[in-house]
């Protein structure tokens, strides 16, 4: 969460703040180009799951899901920082 907050504090993004579990949900900032985000994430070697994969009847286009249960806190921080940077780079200017 710290890595996301540091990178995206100037945006209107929101993130779930679970007390446990395996995943975070991010509502992307307005103006995020999803195709560009995908390209930048791949280039940064970070992964996310697009929100529509979890909405059986449409929806979720402005959400992504991040897993945090497998990696160390240090790697999660770095991954969050990198995905935050990709999100910023994918925003319409």
N, C-alpha and C. Protein backbone atom coordinates (compact mmCIF):
# COMPACT_ATOMS: atom_id res chain seq x y z
N UNK A 1 0.82 -1.20 0.00
CA UNK A 1 0.00 0.00 0.00
C UNK A 1 0.87 1.26 0.00
N UNK A 2 1.95 1.22 0.73
CA UNK A 2 2.83 2.38 0.80
C UNK A 2 3.38 2.73 -0.58
N UNK A 3 3.80 1.74 -1.35
CA UNK A 3 4.33 1.98 -2.69
C UNK A 3 3.30 2.59 -3.62
N UNK A 4 2.06 2.13 -3.52
CA UNK A 4 0.99 2.71 -4.33
C UNK A 4 0.69 4.13 -3.90
N UNK A 5 0.55 4.33 -2.59
CA UNK A 5 0.23 5.66 -2.08
C UNK A 5 1.31 6.68 -2.44
N UNK A 6 2.57 6.28 -2.35
CA UNK A 6 3.66 7.19 -2.69
C UNK A 6 3.59 7.63 -4.16
N UNK A 7 3.28 6.70 -5.04
CA UNK A 7 3.28 7.03 -6.46
C UNK A 7 2.00 7.65 -6.97
N UNK A 8 0.88 7.33 -6.35
CA UNK A 8 -0.41 7.74 -6.91
C UNK A 8 -1.17 8.74 -6.05
N UNK A 9 -0.52 9.29 -5.03
CA UNK A 9 -1.19 10.21 -4.12
C UNK A 9 -1.79 11.42 -4.82
N UNK A 10 -1.20 11.84 -5.93
CA UNK A 10 -1.68 13.03 -6.63
C UNK A 10 -2.85 12.74 -7.57
N UNK A 11 -3.32 11.49 -7.59
CA UNK A 11 -4.41 11.09 -8.48
C UNK A 11 -5.68 10.83 -7.68
N UNK A 12 -6.74 10.47 -8.39
CA UNK A 12 -8.00 10.12 -7.75
C UNK A 12 -8.16 8.60 -7.63
N UNK A 13 -7.07 7.86 -7.61
CA UNK A 13 -7.15 6.41 -7.48
C UNK A 13 -7.67 6.04 -6.10
N UNK A 14 -8.24 4.85 -6.00
CA UNK A 14 -8.59 4.28 -4.70
C UNK A 14 -8.08 2.85 -4.66
N UNK A 15 -7.81 2.37 -3.46
CA UNK A 15 -7.32 1.00 -3.30
C UNK A 15 -7.99 0.40 -2.07
N UNK A 16 -8.31 -0.89 -2.16
CA UNK A 16 -8.84 -1.59 -0.99
C UNK A 16 -7.73 -1.67 0.04
N UNK A 17 -8.10 -1.72 1.27
CA UNK A 17 -7.11 -1.79 2.36
C UNK A 17 -7.47 -2.96 3.27
N UNK A 18 -7.22 -4.19 2.75
CA UNK A 18 -7.62 -5.39 3.48
C UNK A 18 -6.81 -5.60 4.76
N UNK A 19 -7.42 -6.27 5.70
CA UNK A 19 -6.73 -6.63 6.94
C UNK A 19 -6.06 -7.99 6.83
N UNK A 20 -6.22 -8.62 5.70
CA UNK A 20 -5.64 -9.94 5.42
C UNK A 20 -5.98 -10.30 3.99
N UNK A 21 -5.86 -11.55 3.66
CA UNK A 21 -6.24 -12.00 2.33
C UNK A 21 -5.06 -12.10 1.40
N UNK A 22 -5.37 -12.00 0.10
CA UNK A 22 -4.38 -12.25 -0.92
C UNK A 22 -4.27 -11.17 -1.98
N UNK A 23 -5.28 -10.29 -2.06
CA UNK A 23 -5.35 -9.37 -3.19
C UNK A 23 -5.71 -7.95 -2.76
N UNK A 24 -5.32 -7.00 -3.60
CA UNK A 24 -5.75 -5.61 -3.51
C UNK A 24 -6.55 -5.29 -4.75
N UNK A 25 -7.55 -4.46 -4.61
CA UNK A 25 -8.30 -3.92 -5.75
C UNK A 25 -7.96 -2.46 -5.89
N UNK A 26 -7.61 -2.06 -7.10
CA UNK A 26 -7.33 -0.65 -7.39
C UNK A 26 -8.37 -0.14 -8.36
N UNK A 27 -8.97 0.98 -8.03
CA UNK A 27 -9.80 1.72 -8.99
C UNK A 27 -8.85 2.71 -9.62
N UNK A 28 -8.63 2.56 -10.91
CA UNK A 28 -7.65 3.37 -11.62
C UNK A 28 -8.06 4.83 -11.67
N UNK A 29 -7.08 5.73 -11.70
CA UNK A 29 -7.40 7.15 -11.83
C UNK A 29 -8.10 7.42 -13.16
N UNK A 30 -8.91 8.44 -13.16
CA UNK A 30 -9.57 8.83 -14.40
C UNK A 30 -8.52 9.12 -15.46
N UNK A 31 -8.84 8.77 -16.69
CA UNK A 31 -7.94 9.05 -17.80
C UNK A 31 -6.88 8.01 -18.03
N UNK A 32 -6.95 6.87 -17.33
CA UNK A 32 -5.95 5.83 -17.53
C UNK A 32 -6.25 5.07 -18.82
N UNK A 33 -5.28 5.01 -19.71
CA UNK A 33 -5.39 4.28 -20.96
C UNK A 33 -5.02 2.82 -20.67
N UNK A 34 -5.99 1.93 -20.76
CA UNK A 34 -5.77 0.54 -20.36
C UNK A 34 -4.76 -0.18 -21.25
N UNK A 35 -4.76 0.11 -22.53
CA UNK A 35 -3.79 -0.51 -23.43
C UNK A 35 -2.38 -0.04 -23.07
N UNK A 36 -2.23 1.24 -22.84
CA UNK A 36 -0.92 1.80 -22.47
C UNK A 36 -0.46 1.22 -21.13
N UNK A 37 -1.40 1.10 -20.18
CA UNK A 37 -1.05 0.52 -18.88
C UNK A 37 -0.51 -0.90 -19.07
N UNK A 38 -1.17 -1.69 -19.88
CA UNK A 38 -0.72 -3.05 -20.13
C UNK A 38 0.70 -3.06 -20.70
N UNK A 39 0.96 -2.20 -21.67
CA UNK A 39 2.29 -2.13 -22.29
C UNK A 39 3.36 -1.71 -21.27
N UNK A 40 3.04 -0.69 -20.48
CA UNK A 40 4.02 -0.20 -19.49
C UNK A 40 4.26 -1.22 -18.38
N UNK A 41 3.22 -1.93 -17.97
CA UNK A 41 3.39 -2.96 -16.95
C UNK A 41 4.29 -4.09 -17.45
N UNK A 42 4.06 -4.53 -18.67
CA UNK A 42 4.90 -5.59 -19.26
C UNK A 42 6.35 -5.10 -19.34
N UNK A 43 6.55 -3.89 -19.79
CA UNK A 43 7.90 -3.33 -19.91
C UNK A 43 8.58 -3.23 -18.54
N UNK A 44 7.79 -3.02 -17.48
CA UNK A 44 8.33 -2.91 -16.13
C UNK A 44 8.43 -4.26 -15.41
N UNK A 45 7.93 -5.31 -16.09
CA UNK A 45 7.95 -6.67 -15.54
C UNK A 45 7.10 -6.79 -14.28
N UNK A 46 5.94 -6.15 -14.29
CA UNK A 46 4.96 -6.31 -13.21
C UNK A 46 3.65 -6.81 -13.81
N UNK A 47 2.91 -7.56 -13.02
CA UNK A 47 1.66 -8.13 -13.50
C UNK A 47 0.50 -7.65 -12.65
N UNK A 48 -0.66 -7.61 -13.28
CA UNK A 48 -1.93 -7.35 -12.61
C UNK A 48 -2.99 -8.11 -13.37
N UNK A 49 -4.15 -8.25 -12.79
CA UNK A 49 -5.26 -8.86 -13.49
C UNK A 49 -6.29 -7.78 -13.75
N UNK A 50 -6.71 -7.60 -15.01
CA UNK A 50 -7.73 -6.60 -15.32
C UNK A 50 -9.05 -6.93 -14.63
N UNK A 51 -9.72 -5.91 -14.14
CA UNK A 51 -10.97 -6.08 -13.42
C UNK A 51 -12.05 -6.85 -14.14
N UNK A 52 -12.26 -6.66 -15.46
CA UNK A 52 -13.35 -7.36 -16.13
C UNK A 52 -13.31 -8.88 -15.99
N UNK A 53 -12.15 -9.46 -15.70
CA UNK A 53 -12.06 -10.91 -15.51
C UNK A 53 -12.92 -11.39 -14.35
N UNK A 54 -13.31 -10.48 -13.46
CA UNK A 54 -14.06 -10.85 -12.26
C UNK A 54 -15.51 -10.37 -12.29
N UNK A 55 -15.93 -9.80 -13.39
CA UNK A 55 -17.30 -9.29 -13.53
C UNK A 55 -17.99 -10.09 -14.63
N UNK A 56 -18.86 -11.03 -14.28
CA UNK A 56 -19.45 -11.90 -15.29
C UNK A 56 -20.40 -11.20 -16.25
N UNK A 57 -20.96 -10.06 -15.88
CA UNK A 57 -21.95 -9.39 -16.73
C UNK A 57 -21.52 -7.99 -17.14
N UNK A 58 -20.26 -7.80 -17.42
CA UNK A 58 -19.65 -6.52 -17.79
C UNK A 58 -19.33 -5.71 -16.54
N UNK A 59 -18.38 -4.83 -16.70
CA UNK A 59 -17.96 -3.96 -15.61
C UNK A 59 -16.51 -4.21 -15.24
N UNK A 60 -16.02 -3.39 -14.34
CA UNK A 60 -14.66 -3.54 -13.84
C UNK A 60 -13.58 -2.98 -14.72
N UNK A 61 -13.96 -2.29 -15.80
CA UNK A 61 -12.94 -1.78 -16.73
C UNK A 61 -11.98 -0.81 -16.06
N UNK A 62 -12.43 -0.13 -15.05
CA UNK A 62 -11.56 0.85 -14.39
C UNK A 62 -10.91 0.29 -13.12
N UNK A 63 -10.84 -1.03 -13.01
CA UNK A 63 -10.24 -1.68 -11.84
C UNK A 63 -9.15 -2.67 -12.28
N UNK A 64 -8.18 -2.87 -11.41
CA UNK A 64 -7.21 -3.95 -11.57
C UNK A 64 -7.04 -4.63 -10.22
N UNK A 65 -6.60 -5.87 -10.25
CA UNK A 65 -6.37 -6.63 -9.02
C UNK A 65 -4.90 -6.98 -8.93
N UNK A 66 -4.33 -6.78 -7.76
CA UNK A 66 -2.93 -7.11 -7.49
C UNK A 66 -2.86 -8.18 -6.42
N UNK A 67 -2.03 -9.18 -6.63
CA UNK A 67 -1.79 -10.21 -5.62
C UNK A 67 -0.62 -9.77 -4.75
N UNK A 68 -0.72 -10.04 -3.45
CA UNK A 68 0.38 -9.67 -2.56
C UNK A 68 0.78 -10.80 -1.61
N UNK A 69 0.20 -11.96 -1.73
CA UNK A 69 0.41 -13.00 -0.72
C UNK A 69 1.67 -13.84 -0.93
N UNK A 70 2.24 -13.82 -2.11
CA UNK A 70 3.35 -14.71 -2.41
C UNK A 70 4.72 -14.08 -2.13
N UNK A 71 4.87 -12.82 -2.47
CA UNK A 71 6.18 -12.18 -2.40
C UNK A 71 6.46 -11.55 -1.03
N UNK A 72 7.71 -11.26 -0.80
CA UNK A 72 8.12 -10.61 0.45
C UNK A 72 7.59 -9.17 0.47
N UNK A 73 7.51 -8.57 1.64
CA UNK A 73 7.08 -7.17 1.71
C UNK A 73 7.95 -6.24 0.86
N UNK A 74 9.24 -6.51 0.79
CA UNK A 74 10.13 -5.67 0.00
C UNK A 74 9.80 -5.76 -1.49
N UNK A 75 9.55 -6.98 -1.98
CA UNK A 75 9.20 -7.14 -3.39
C UNK A 75 7.82 -6.57 -3.68
N UNK A 76 6.90 -6.70 -2.73
CA UNK A 76 5.57 -6.11 -2.91
C UNK A 76 5.67 -4.59 -3.00
N UNK A 77 6.50 -4.00 -2.16
CA UNK A 77 6.69 -2.55 -2.21
C UNK A 77 7.25 -2.14 -3.58
N UNK A 78 8.26 -2.84 -4.04
CA UNK A 78 8.87 -2.50 -5.33
C UNK A 78 7.87 -2.71 -6.47
N UNK A 79 7.12 -3.80 -6.44
CA UNK A 79 6.10 -4.04 -7.46
C UNK A 79 5.02 -2.97 -7.45
N UNK A 80 4.59 -2.57 -6.26
CA UNK A 80 3.58 -1.52 -6.15
C UNK A 80 4.12 -0.19 -6.68
N UNK A 81 5.37 0.09 -6.39
CA UNK A 81 5.98 1.31 -6.90
C UNK A 81 6.04 1.29 -8.43
N UNK A 82 6.38 0.14 -8.99
CA UNK A 82 6.47 0.01 -10.44
C UNK A 82 5.10 0.09 -11.11
N UNK A 83 4.08 -0.56 -10.53
CA UNK A 83 2.76 -0.48 -11.14
C UNK A 83 2.21 0.93 -11.00
N UNK A 84 2.51 1.60 -9.90
CA UNK A 84 2.10 3.00 -9.75
C UNK A 84 2.72 3.88 -10.83
N UNK A 85 3.98 3.66 -11.11
CA UNK A 85 4.66 4.41 -12.16
C UNK A 85 4.04 4.12 -13.52
N UNK A 86 3.68 2.86 -13.77
CA UNK A 86 3.03 2.49 -15.04
C UNK A 86 1.66 3.16 -15.15
N UNK A 87 0.92 3.20 -14.06
CA UNK A 87 -0.39 3.84 -14.07
C UNK A 87 -0.24 5.33 -14.39
N UNK A 88 0.71 5.98 -13.75
CA UNK A 88 0.94 7.40 -14.04
C UNK A 88 1.30 7.60 -15.51
N UNK A 89 2.12 6.73 -16.05
CA UNK A 89 2.52 6.85 -17.45
C UNK A 89 1.40 6.57 -18.44
N UNK A 90 0.38 5.88 -17.98
CA UNK A 90 -0.73 5.51 -18.86
C UNK A 90 -1.89 6.51 -18.82
N UNK A 91 -1.73 7.55 -18.04
CA UNK A 91 -2.81 8.54 -17.93
C UNK A 91 -2.75 9.52 -19.08
N UNK A 92 -3.93 9.89 -19.57
CA UNK A 92 -4.03 10.90 -20.64
C UNK A 92 -3.50 12.21 -20.10
N UNK A 93 -2.77 12.88 -20.90
CA UNK A 93 -2.20 14.15 -20.46
C UNK A 93 -2.98 15.31 -20.99
